[in-house]
C-alpha cells in the first residue's frame, strides 16, 4: 500500500513538533516487548524506552534475528545504555516450537546483531524468570491493561499461551510486527518473523485476543533515508550516537541493494503502540500456512471474512463436492495494517531519539 501523504505545508509544520500523544491525565500504556534484538529491534527498543506514552514493563528475548544468547546480551546492553535497569530482561525459548532455528542475515544485522556497533559491557542483570512465565505473571498482575509488542518470532508468546490459555482475555492487545498480505521478504510468500516459527504464529493468531498486524505492507514504505539519518549526526549523546551507528549500518546495506532507505520494521510496531492512528487497519481473518513447501510461513488473509459453503452431492460417478453459492461469516482475528502515515511516524521516531524533524523539508525525505 502507498504511504499516506501529508497534504499541506501547514500540516507538515504542525507535525514537526511531534508532541506526546498521551492525553492529559492518562496513564502510559503498559507494555511487554518480546524481541529478537537485531538492528531494527534495537532502534525500536530505544523508541519505546524514550516515549512517555509507554511504560515498558519487561523485555523478553526470543531467537530470530540472532541466537537467544546474542539477543540476551544485546538487550542487556541496550537497557544499560539507557540507564534502565528497572526494566527486566528475561530469556525465553532457545529455538522454534517445531523446526530448527533460522537466524537473520549478517547483511542486515552485522556479526553482533547491532550492526557491529560496540556497546559497553552490560550493567543490568538478566532476570531469573523464564520469559513465558514472566509474560504470564505480568498479564495476570495487570488484567486488561498490558499490551504485548512482538518484534520477533512468536515462540515465547505461544509458549505462554500453551502454559496458561487463561491470559488471552486479560491481554489488552497484541501489536505484532510480522506477516504480509502482499508477499514475503525471506521467501516469495513469507515474512521473516512468521517464517521462523509459523506454528507459534498460528497459535497466536488463533488465540482470540485483539491483534494488530503491522506487516510488510506498511513497513516496506516506512524508510529511514540518508537525509533523515543525518539529523542525528554529530549529536553528542550516547543514545543518539548508538542509533546513528545502527541506522548508518542499515542505510548503507539498503543502498548497496539499490534502495532509498532502510525499512523500519520493528520501530513502526512500537510507533503503532504509541499512536494507533499512524496506520489504517482493516479487520481480516488471518491464517498461517504451516505445511506448504513453497508457502510455509505465509499469512493468508481472508479480507471478506467469509467462507464458501461446500456440500456433498451424489452423482452416478460417485460423491462429489460443489460450491453452493452461499457463504458463512467469519469473525476477524486481526486488524491488518494496510496504509501508514510514514512521514509522521519517522518524525516521531527521530524526535524521540533526539533529532529535530523540523530541520527537514519534505523534498529532503
Protein backbone atom coordinates (compact mmCIF):
# COMPACT_ATOMS: atom_id res chain seq x y z
CA UNK A 1 0.00 0.00 0.00
CA UNK A 2 1.12 3.54 -0.65
CA UNK A 3 2.22 5.62 2.29
CA UNK A 4 -0.31 8.23 3.30
CA UNK A 5 1.00 11.66 2.34
CA UNK A 6 0.84 14.92 4.21
CA UNK A 7 -1.45 17.27 2.38
CA UNK A 8 -0.03 20.73 3.11
CA UNK A 9 2.98 22.56 4.45
CA UNK A 10 0.82 23.67 7.37
CA UNK A 11 0.22 20.03 8.31
CA UNK A 12 3.94 19.36 7.97
CA UNK A 13 4.88 22.16 10.33
CA UNK A 14 2.28 21.12 12.88
CA UNK A 15 3.52 17.54 12.80
CA UNK A 16 7.17 18.53 13.08
CA UNK A 17 7.00 19.14 16.81
CA UNK A 18 5.69 15.56 17.39
CA UNK A 19 4.05 16.19 20.75
CA UNK A 20 3.38 13.48 23.27
CA UNK A 21 0.23 11.68 22.15
CA UNK A 22 -0.70 10.76 25.72
CA UNK A 23 -3.93 12.52 26.77
CA UNK A 24 -3.62 14.85 29.75
CA UNK A 25 -4.03 12.86 32.94
CA UNK A 26 -3.86 9.48 31.18
CA UNK A 27 -1.53 6.76 32.38
CA UNK A 28 1.08 5.44 29.95
CA UNK A 29 0.27 2.16 28.22
CA UNK A 30 1.93 -0.77 29.99
CA UNK A 31 3.78 -2.98 27.52
CA UNK A 32 5.97 -6.06 27.44
CA UNK A 33 8.25 -6.16 24.40
CA UNK A 34 9.11 -9.61 23.07
CA UNK A 35 12.17 -9.13 20.91
CA UNK A 36 15.00 -10.78 18.97
CA UNK A 37 17.39 -7.84 19.29
CA UNK A 38 18.89 -7.22 15.94
CA UNK A 39 19.37 -3.81 14.37
CA UNK A 40 15.79 -2.62 13.90
CA UNK A 41 14.77 -4.14 17.25
CA UNK A 42 17.45 -2.03 18.91
CA UNK A 43 16.03 1.16 17.40
CA UNK A 44 12.53 0.04 18.38
CA UNK A 45 13.56 -0.58 22.00
CA UNK A 46 15.14 2.88 22.21
CA UNK A 47 11.95 4.42 20.81
CA UNK A 48 9.84 2.58 23.39
CA UNK A 49 12.04 3.47 26.33
CA UNK A 50 12.16 7.14 25.34
CA UNK A 51 8.42 7.56 24.75
CA UNK A 52 6.29 8.80 27.66
CA UNK A 53 3.22 7.11 26.18
CA UNK A 54 4.65 3.68 27.04
CA UNK A 55 5.61 2.07 30.34
CA UNK A 56 7.92 -0.78 29.36
CA UNK A 57 7.48 -3.49 31.99
CA UNK A 58 9.94 -6.01 30.55
CA UNK A 59 11.95 -7.15 27.55
CA UNK A 60 11.57 -10.85 26.81
CA UNK A 61 14.08 -12.32 24.37
CA UNK A 62 13.34 -14.81 21.60
CA UNK A 63 15.75 -16.16 18.94
CA UNK A 64 15.25 -14.87 15.42
CA UNK A 65 17.45 -12.15 14.01
CA UNK A 66 20.15 -13.53 16.29
CA UNK A 67 20.54 -16.50 18.59
CA UNK A 68 18.94 -16.41 22.02
CA UNK A 69 22.27 -15.84 23.79
CA UNK A 70 23.27 -12.99 21.49
CA UNK A 71 19.83 -11.45 21.87
CA UNK A 72 20.02 -11.56 25.65
CA UNK A 73 23.41 -9.85 25.61
CA UNK A 74 22.17 -7.19 23.18
CA UNK A 75 19.03 -6.46 25.20
CA UNK A 76 21.04 -6.06 28.40
CA UNK A 77 23.48 -3.71 26.68
CA UNK A 78 20.65 -1.56 25.31
CA UNK A 79 18.86 -1.12 28.64
CA UNK A 80 22.22 -0.45 30.28
CA UNK A 81 22.97 2.28 27.72
CA UNK A 82 19.66 3.95 28.55
CA UNK A 83 20.20 3.52 32.32
CA UNK A 84 17.02 1.43 32.54
CA UNK A 85 17.99 -1.48 34.76
CA UNK A 86 14.48 -1.17 36.19
CA UNK A 87 13.27 -2.95 33.03
CA UNK A 88 13.83 -6.69 33.48
CA UNK A 89 15.38 -8.63 30.62
CA UNK A 90 14.31 -12.28 30.57
CA UNK A 91 15.48 -15.21 28.47
CA UNK A 92 12.89 -17.40 26.80
CA UNK A 93 12.86 -20.07 24.12
CA UNK A 94 16.12 -21.24 22.58
CA UNK A 95 14.54 -22.46 19.31
CA UNK A 96 11.20 -22.51 17.47
CA UNK A 97 8.44 -24.88 18.55
CA UNK A 98 8.94 -27.48 15.80
CA UNK A 99 11.68 -26.68 13.30
CA UNK A 100 15.37 -25.76 13.64
CA UNK A 101 16.21 -22.11 14.16
CA UNK A 102 16.89 -19.92 11.13
CA UNK A 103 18.56 -16.63 12.08
CA UNK A 104 18.73 -13.33 10.24
CA UNK A 105 21.39 -12.25 7.78
CA UNK A 106 24.60 -10.53 8.87
CA UNK A 107 23.99 -8.23 5.88
CA UNK A 108 21.23 -6.54 7.87
CA UNK A 109 22.34 -7.18 11.45
CA UNK A 110 26.13 -7.47 11.43
CA UNK A 111 28.11 -10.05 13.35
CA UNK A 112 26.78 -8.95 16.74
CA UNK A 113 23.20 -8.16 15.75
CA UNK A 114 23.68 -4.44 16.38
CA UNK A 115 25.20 -3.50 13.04
CA UNK A 116 28.65 -4.13 14.53
CA UNK A 117 28.22 -1.12 16.81
CA UNK A 118 30.00 -1.97 20.06
CA UNK A 119 28.18 -1.04 23.23
CA UNK A 120 29.84 -1.22 26.67
CA UNK A 121 29.53 -4.36 28.74
CA UNK A 122 26.03 -4.59 30.26
CA UNK A 123 25.48 -3.44 33.81
CA UNK A 124 21.86 -4.56 34.00
CA UNK A 125 21.42 -8.16 35.17
CA UNK A 126 19.48 -10.93 33.47
CA UNK A 127 16.18 -11.59 35.19
CA UNK A 128 15.96 -15.13 36.58
CA UNK A 129 12.41 -15.70 35.36
CA UNK A 130 11.72 -17.61 32.15
CA UNK A 131 10.24 -15.24 29.57
CA UNK A 132 6.89 -17.06 29.07
CA UNK A 133 6.45 -17.21 32.86
CA UNK A 134 7.24 -13.50 33.14
CA UNK A 135 4.68 -12.69 30.44
CA UNK A 136 2.02 -14.71 32.28
CA UNK A 137 2.93 -13.11 35.61
CA UNK A 138 2.73 -9.57 34.25
CA UNK A 139 -0.52 -10.13 32.37
CA UNK A 140 -2.18 -11.58 35.48
CA UNK A 141 -0.81 -8.77 37.65
CA UNK A 142 -2.41 -6.13 35.40
CA UNK A 143 -5.52 -7.65 33.78
CA UNK A 144 -6.85 -5.78 30.73
CA UNK A 145 -4.01 -3.28 30.99
CA UNK A 146 -0.99 -4.89 29.31
CA UNK A 147 -0.14 -4.73 25.61
CA UNK A 148 2.27 -7.28 24.14
CA UNK A 149 4.52 -5.80 21.46
CA UNK A 150 6.09 -8.62 19.46
CA UNK A 151 9.12 -7.77 17.35
CA UNK A 152 10.39 -11.27 16.54
CA UNK A 153 9.16 -14.82 16.03
CA UNK A 154 6.22 -15.63 18.27
CA UNK A 155 7.70 -18.60 20.13
CA UNK A 156 7.67 -17.05 23.61
CA UNK A 157 4.09 -15.83 23.22
CA UNK A 158 2.96 -19.27 22.03
CA UNK A 159 4.69 -20.96 24.97
CA UNK A 160 2.95 -18.58 27.38
CA UNK A 161 -0.37 -19.37 25.69
CA UNK A 162 0.19 -23.11 25.93
CA UNK A 163 1.10 -22.89 29.59
CA UNK A 164 -1.74 -20.54 30.59
CA UNK A 165 -4.51 -20.04 27.99
CA UNK A 166 -6.37 -18.01 30.61
CA UNK A 167 -4.22 -14.96 29.84
CA UNK A 168 -5.98 -14.42 26.48
CA UNK A 169 -8.95 -12.36 27.75
CA UNK A 170 -6.64 -10.46 30.12
CA UNK A 171 -4.32 -9.01 27.43
CA UNK A 172 -5.35 -5.58 26.17
CA UNK A 173 -3.85 -6.09 22.71
CA UNK A 174 -1.06 -7.79 20.78
CA UNK A 175 0.78 -5.41 18.44
CA UNK A 176 2.76 -7.65 16.12
CA UNK A 177 5.50 -6.85 13.66
CA UNK A 178 5.10 -9.73 11.30
CA UNK A 179 3.34 -11.12 8.29
CA UNK A 180 2.27 -9.71 4.96
CA UNK A 181 -0.73 -9.84 2.69
CA UNK A 182 1.31 -8.93 -0.40
CA UNK A 183 4.26 -11.33 -0.49
CA UNK A 184 7.24 -12.10 1.71
CA UNK A 185 10.81 -10.98 2.31
CA UNK A 186 12.55 -14.29 3.01
CA UNK A 187 10.51 -16.34 0.53
CA UNK A 188 8.08 -15.11 -2.10
CA UNK A 189 5.29 -15.91 0.35
CA UNK A 190 6.60 -15.46 3.90
CA UNK A 191 7.79 -12.62 6.12
CA UNK A 192 10.78 -13.46 8.34
CA UNK A 193 9.23 -13.41 11.82
CA UNK A 194 6.36 -15.70 10.80
CA UNK A 195 8.60 -17.93 8.69
CA UNK A 196 10.96 -18.68 11.59
CA UNK A 197 8.14 -20.17 13.71
CA UNK A 198 4.86 -20.49 11.79
CA UNK A 199 3.42 -22.96 14.30
CA UNK A 200 3.81 -20.37 17.05
CA UNK A 201 2.32 -17.66 14.84
CA UNK A 202 -0.72 -19.82 14.10
CA UNK A 203 -1.34 -20.28 17.83
CA UNK A 204 -1.12 -16.53 18.42
CA UNK A 205 -3.49 -15.64 15.58
CA UNK A 206 -6.00 -18.28 16.69
CA UNK A 207 -5.90 -17.39 20.40
CA UNK A 208 -8.84 -14.99 20.34
CA UNK A 209 -7.25 -11.80 21.66
CA UNK A 210 -7.09 -8.48 19.77
CA UNK A 211 -4.18 -8.49 17.31
CA UNK A 212 -2.83 -5.59 15.27
CA UNK A 213 -0.65 -6.96 12.49
CA UNK A 214 2.00 -4.46 11.37
CA UNK A 215 3.40 -6.27 8.37
CA UNK A 216 5.47 -5.71 5.28
CA UNK A 217 2.58 -3.94 3.57
CA UNK A 218 3.26 -0.83 5.66
CA UNK A 219 6.85 -1.42 6.78
CA UNK A 220 8.10 -1.55 3.20
CA UNK A 221 7.19 2.12 2.67
CA UNK A 222 8.49 3.36 6.03
CA UNK A 223 12.09 4.17 5.07
CA UNK A 224 14.90 5.65 7.13
CA UNK A 225 16.77 7.56 4.44
CA UNK A 226 20.27 9.03 4.47
CA UNK A 227 18.79 12.54 4.68
CA UNK A 228 16.74 11.67 7.74
CA UNK A 229 19.61 9.82 9.39
CA UNK A 230 21.85 12.88 9.06
CA UNK A 231 19.64 14.71 11.55
CA UNK A 232 21.25 12.52 14.22
CA UNK A 233 24.83 13.01 13.05
CA UNK A 234 27.10 14.90 15.40
CA UNK A 235 24.78 14.79 18.39
CA UNK A 236 26.97 14.20 21.43
CA UNK A 237 24.55 11.91 23.17
CA UNK A 238 25.34 8.19 23.63
CA UNK A 239 21.84 7.05 22.68
CA UNK A 240 21.68 9.19 19.52
CA UNK A 241 25.21 8.07 18.60
CA UNK A 242 24.18 4.43 19.02
CA UNK A 243 21.06 4.79 16.90
CA UNK A 244 23.02 6.76 14.31
CA UNK A 245 25.59 3.95 14.12
CA UNK A 246 22.96 1.24 13.75
CA UNK A 247 20.99 3.36 11.29
CA UNK A 248 24.11 4.08 9.23
CA UNK A 249 24.79 0.34 9.01
CA UNK A 250 21.21 -0.29 7.84
CA UNK A 251 21.10 2.57 5.35
CA UNK A 252 24.44 1.51 3.85
CA UNK A 253 23.11 -2.04 3.46
CA UNK A 254 19.94 -0.73 1.81
CA UNK A 255 21.92 1.49 -0.55
CA UNK A 256 24.05 -1.48 -1.61
CA UNK A 257 20.79 -3.16 -2.61
CA UNK A 258 19.71 -0.14 -4.63
CA UNK A 259 17.10 1.01 -2.10
CA UNK A 260 16.47 4.59 -0.99
CA UNK A 261 16.49 3.74 2.71
CA UNK A 262 16.16 1.07 5.34
CA UNK A 263 12.75 -0.26 6.28
CA UNK A 264 11.83 0.46 9.87
CA UNK A 265 10.02 -2.81 10.61
CA UNK A 266 10.13 -3.09 14.39
CA UNK A 267 10.20 0.63 15.18
CA UNK A 268 6.90 1.01 13.29
CA UNK A 269 5.24 -1.62 15.51
CA UNK A 270 6.34 0.34 18.58
CA UNK A 271 5.11 3.51 16.91
CA UNK A 272 1.67 1.94 16.46
CA UNK A 273 1.60 1.04 20.16
CA UNK A 274 2.38 4.70 20.91
CA UNK A 275 -0.10 6.12 18.39
CA UNK A 276 -2.54 3.73 16.68
CA UNK A 277 -3.57 6.47 14.24
CA UNK A 278 -0.25 6.06 12.43
CA UNK A 279 -1.82 3.21 10.44
CA UNK A 280 -5.07 2.29 8.79
CA UNK A 281 -6.01 -1.26 9.81
CA UNK A 282 -8.66 -3.47 8.25
CA UNK A 283 -10.32 -6.40 10.04
CA UNK A 284 -9.39 -9.73 8.42
CA UNK A 285 -9.24 -13.41 9.21
CA UNK A 286 -5.57 -14.40 9.16
CA UNK A 287 -4.31 -17.97 8.98
CA UNK A 288 -0.70 -19.13 8.86
CA UNK A 289 0.48 -21.74 6.37
CA UNK A 290 2.48 -24.36 8.27
CA UNK A 291 2.74 -27.17 5.73
CA UNK A 292 3.30 -25.85 2.21
CA UNK A 293 6.73 -26.46 0.75
CA UNK A 294 6.55 -23.16 -1.16
CA UNK A 295 4.32 -21.16 1.16
CA UNK A 296 5.32 -22.18 4.68
CA UNK A 297 5.08 -19.12 6.93
CA UNK A 298 2.67 -17.22 4.69
CA UNK A 299 -0.01 -15.18 6.44
CA UNK A 300 -3.13 -15.91 4.42
CA UNK A 301 -5.67 -13.11 4.84
CA UNK A 302 -9.38 -13.55 4.26
CA UNK A 303 -10.42 -9.98 3.54
CA UNK A 304 -14.09 -10.84 3.05
CA UNK A 305 -14.31 -12.56 6.45
CA UNK A 306 -16.48 -15.30 4.95
CA UNK A 307 -16.07 -18.87 3.78
CA UNK A 308 -17.88 -20.51 0.90
CA UNK A 309 -20.18 -23.35 1.86
CA UNK A 310 -19.44 -26.63 0.09
CA UNK A 311 -21.91 -29.51 0.01
CA UNK A 312 -21.55 -33.17 -0.88
CA UNK A 313 -23.74 -34.24 -3.76
CA UNK A 314 -24.28 -37.70 -5.13
CA UNK A 315 -23.87 -38.42 -8.82
CA UNK A 316 -23.67 -41.56 -10.97
CA UNK A 317 -19.90 -41.21 -10.86
CA UNK A 318 -19.85 -41.20 -7.05
CA UNK A 319 -19.62 -38.48 -4.42
CA UNK A 320 -18.62 -35.01 -5.43
CA UNK A 321 -18.47 -31.65 -3.71
CA UNK A 322 -19.90 -28.44 -5.05
CA UNK A 323 -19.91 -24.80 -4.05
CA UNK A 324 -23.42 -23.78 -3.07
CA UNK A 325 -23.07 -20.06 -3.72
CA UNK A 326 -23.74 -19.44 -0.04
CA UNK A 327 -21.20 -18.18 2.46
CA UNK A 328 -20.67 -18.42 6.18
CA UNK A 329 -19.50 -15.28 8.00
CA UNK A 330 -16.25 -15.49 9.94
CA UNK A 331 -15.06 -13.43 12.89
CA UNK A 332 -11.91 -11.42 12.20
CA UNK A 333 -8.90 -12.26 14.33
CA UNK A 334 -6.62 -9.36 13.37
CA UNK A 335 -6.60 -5.75 12.33
CA UNK A 336 -4.15 -5.76 9.43
CA UNK A 337 -2.27 -2.54 8.69
CA UNK A 338 -2.84 -1.60 5.06
CA UNK A 339 -1.65 2.03 4.97
CA UNK A 340 0.68 4.17 7.06
CA UNK A 341 1.44 7.82 7.78
CA UNK A 342 5.12 7.14 7.16
CA UNK A 343 6.42 10.70 7.44
CA UNK A 344 4.57 11.29 10.68
CA UNK A 345 5.97 8.09 12.13
CA UNK A 346 9.54 8.94 11.11
CA UNK A 347 9.17 12.40 12.66
CA UNK A 348 8.10 10.69 15.88
CA UNK A 349 10.98 8.22 15.78
CA UNK A 350 13.70 10.81 15.21
CA UNK A 351 12.26 13.30 17.68
CA UNK A 352 12.31 10.72 20.45
CA UNK A 353 15.91 9.80 19.69
CA UNK A 354 16.96 13.42 19.60
CA UNK A 355 16.71 14.77 16.07
CA UNK A 356 14.74 17.83 15.05
CA UNK A 357 12.16 16.75 12.45
CA UNK A 358 11.53 20.39 11.55
CA UNK A 359 15.07 20.59 10.16
CA UNK A 360 13.90 18.57 7.15
CA UNK A 361 11.76 19.80 4.30
CA UNK A 362 9.51 17.33 2.55
CA UNK A 363 11.79 17.22 -0.50
CA UNK A 364 14.68 16.06 1.68
CA UNK A 365 12.87 12.84 2.59
